[in-house]
N, C-alpha and C. Protein backbone atom coordinates (compact mmCIF):
# COMPACT_ATOMS: atom_id res chain seq x y z
N MET A 1 51.64 13.45 -18.01
CA MET A 1 52.07 14.84 -18.72
C MET A 1 51.58 14.25 -20.18
N SER A 2 51.53 13.33 -20.72
CA SER A 2 50.79 13.32 -22.96
C SER A 2 49.51 13.75 -22.30
N GLU A 3 48.52 13.69 -21.44
CA GLU A 3 47.03 14.14 -20.46
C GLU A 3 47.01 15.50 -20.20
N ALA A 4 48.10 15.99 -20.55
CA ALA A 4 48.71 17.80 -20.14
C ALA A 4 48.63 18.21 -21.46
N VAL A 5 49.31 17.61 -22.49
CA VAL A 5 49.89 18.07 -23.94
C VAL A 5 48.20 17.73 -24.79
N GLU A 6 47.87 16.46 -24.48
CA GLU A 6 46.08 16.47 -25.07
C GLU A 6 45.01 16.90 -24.83
N LEU A 7 45.14 17.79 -23.48
CA LEU A 7 44.34 18.46 -23.48
C LEU A 7 44.21 20.01 -24.45
N TYR A 8 45.55 20.27 -24.04
CA TYR A 8 46.27 22.23 -24.95
C TYR A 8 45.97 22.03 -26.09
N ARG A 9 45.87 20.44 -26.95
CA ARG A 9 45.66 20.19 -27.90
C ARG A 9 44.25 20.60 -28.38
N SER A 10 43.36 20.43 -27.37
CA SER A 10 41.04 19.46 -27.96
C SER A 10 41.33 21.35 -27.72
N LEU A 11 42.53 21.55 -27.02
CA LEU A 11 41.64 23.72 -26.45
C LEU A 11 42.10 24.71 -27.53
N GLY A 12 42.62 24.02 -28.58
CA GLY A 12 43.16 25.14 -29.94
C GLY A 12 44.48 25.35 -30.11
N PHE A 13 45.13 24.88 -29.08
CA PHE A 13 46.59 25.50 -29.18
C PHE A 13 47.80 24.88 -29.82
N GLN A 14 49.24 24.64 -29.66
CA GLN A 14 50.15 24.08 -30.17
C GLN A 14 50.72 23.92 -29.67
N VAL A 15 50.88 22.70 -29.53
CA VAL A 15 52.30 22.33 -28.18
C VAL A 15 53.99 21.84 -28.42
N HIS A 16 55.20 22.21 -27.71
CA HIS A 16 55.53 22.48 -28.19
C HIS A 16 56.25 21.45 -26.49
N LEU A 17 57.16 20.85 -26.90
CA LEU A 17 58.18 19.79 -25.87
C LEU A 17 59.36 20.37 -25.13
N GLU A 18 60.00 20.94 -24.77
CA GLU A 18 61.82 20.82 -23.86
C GLU A 18 61.77 20.02 -23.59
N PRO A 19 63.34 19.15 -23.63
CA PRO A 19 63.56 18.89 -22.20
C PRO A 19 63.78 20.22 -20.62
N ALA A 20 63.89 19.31 -19.52
CA ALA A 20 63.56 20.11 -18.61
C ALA A 20 65.10 20.66 -17.65
N LYS A 21 65.62 20.97 -17.40
CA LYS A 21 67.23 21.82 -17.69
C LYS A 21 66.53 22.16 -15.56
N PHE A 22 68.09 21.75 -14.99
CA PHE A 22 67.77 21.95 -13.72
C PHE A 22 68.31 22.27 -13.31
N LYS A 23 68.75 23.24 -12.12
CA LYS A 23 70.02 23.82 -11.48
C LYS A 23 70.52 22.24 -10.29
N GLU A 24 71.74 22.77 -10.61
CA GLU A 24 72.62 22.05 -9.49
C GLU A 24 73.39 22.81 -8.87
N GLU A 25 72.52 23.07 -8.07
CA GLU A 25 73.26 24.08 -6.63
C GLU A 25 73.55 22.76 -5.64
N ASP A 26 72.27 22.30 -5.99
CA ASP A 26 72.09 20.84 -4.36
C ASP A 26 71.43 20.11 -4.68
N GLU A 27 72.71 18.84 -4.85
CA GLU A 27 72.80 17.65 -6.04
C GLU A 27 71.70 16.57 -4.91
N ARG A 28 71.70 16.69 -3.85
CA ARG A 28 70.26 15.81 -3.36
C ARG A 28 68.87 16.21 -3.60
N CYS A 29 68.64 17.14 -3.96
CA CYS A 29 67.63 17.54 -4.37
C CYS A 29 67.01 16.90 -5.90
N ASN A 30 68.32 17.44 -6.50
CA ASN A 30 68.07 16.83 -7.80
C ASN A 30 68.76 15.21 -8.24
N ALA A 31 68.92 14.53 -7.56
CA ALA A 31 69.43 13.21 -7.81
C ALA A 31 68.77 12.70 -8.54
N CYS A 32 67.32 12.50 -7.72
CA CYS A 32 66.04 12.16 -8.39
C CYS A 32 65.47 11.88 -9.62
N ILE A 33 65.53 13.52 -9.75
CA ILE A 33 64.97 14.27 -11.52
C ILE A 33 66.17 13.77 -12.55
N GLN A 34 67.50 13.66 -12.39
CA GLN A 34 68.16 13.56 -13.32
C GLN A 34 68.51 12.24 -13.49
N ALA A 35 68.72 10.86 -12.29
CA ALA A 35 68.15 10.17 -12.96
C ALA A 35 66.62 10.33 -13.64
N GLU A 36 66.55 9.90 -13.94
CA GLU A 36 64.71 10.16 -15.07
C GLU A 36 64.77 10.96 -15.79
N ASP A 37 65.52 11.43 -16.03
CA ASP A 37 65.47 12.44 -16.79
C ASP A 37 64.59 13.62 -18.08
N GLN A 38 64.65 12.12 -18.45
CA GLN A 38 63.41 11.64 -19.15
C GLN A 38 62.25 11.80 -19.64
N LYS A 39 61.99 11.71 -17.52
CA LYS A 39 60.05 12.02 -17.32
C LYS A 39 59.91 13.60 -17.32
N TYR A 40 60.70 14.66 -17.05
CA TYR A 40 60.62 16.46 -16.79
C TYR A 40 60.63 16.38 -18.57
N ARG A 41 60.07 16.97 -18.91
CA ARG A 41 59.74 18.29 -19.89
C ARG A 41 58.99 19.40 -19.59
N ILE A 42 59.65 20.19 -20.61
CA ILE A 42 58.80 22.22 -20.29
C ILE A 42 57.48 22.07 -21.73
N ILE A 43 56.07 23.05 -20.87
CA ILE A 43 55.89 22.77 -21.91
C ILE A 43 54.72 24.16 -21.95
N TYR A 44 55.20 24.23 -23.30
CA TYR A 44 55.71 25.72 -24.13
C TYR A 44 54.38 25.76 -25.16
N VAL A 45 53.01 26.34 -24.68
CA VAL A 45 51.98 26.12 -25.72
C VAL A 45 51.87 27.15 -26.87
N ARG A 46 50.92 27.72 -27.27
CA ARG A 46 50.51 29.40 -27.76
C ARG A 46 49.10 28.60 -28.54
N ARG A 47 48.56 29.81 -29.09
CA ARG A 47 47.00 29.41 -29.52
C ARG A 47 47.51 29.75 -31.13
N ARG A 48 46.23 28.48 -31.49
CA ARG A 48 46.31 28.27 -33.01
C ARG A 48 46.99 29.80 -33.49
N THR A 49 47.73 29.49 -34.99
CA THR A 49 47.64 30.64 -35.69
C THR A 49 46.54 30.72 -37.26
N SER A 50 45.23 31.44 -37.47
CA SER A 50 44.79 30.83 -39.07
C SER A 50 45.51 30.60 -39.66
């Protein structure tokens, strides 16, 4: 994740990270993700304003 953030910043983007939220429709699929939820983030980027 930090590599992606560094890349976006080096290309001149502002970067904002938010915790990822997953639907709880299928507990079997989400069990691993929920156990390590601090690892997953949504990366928002936008061009820097002058």
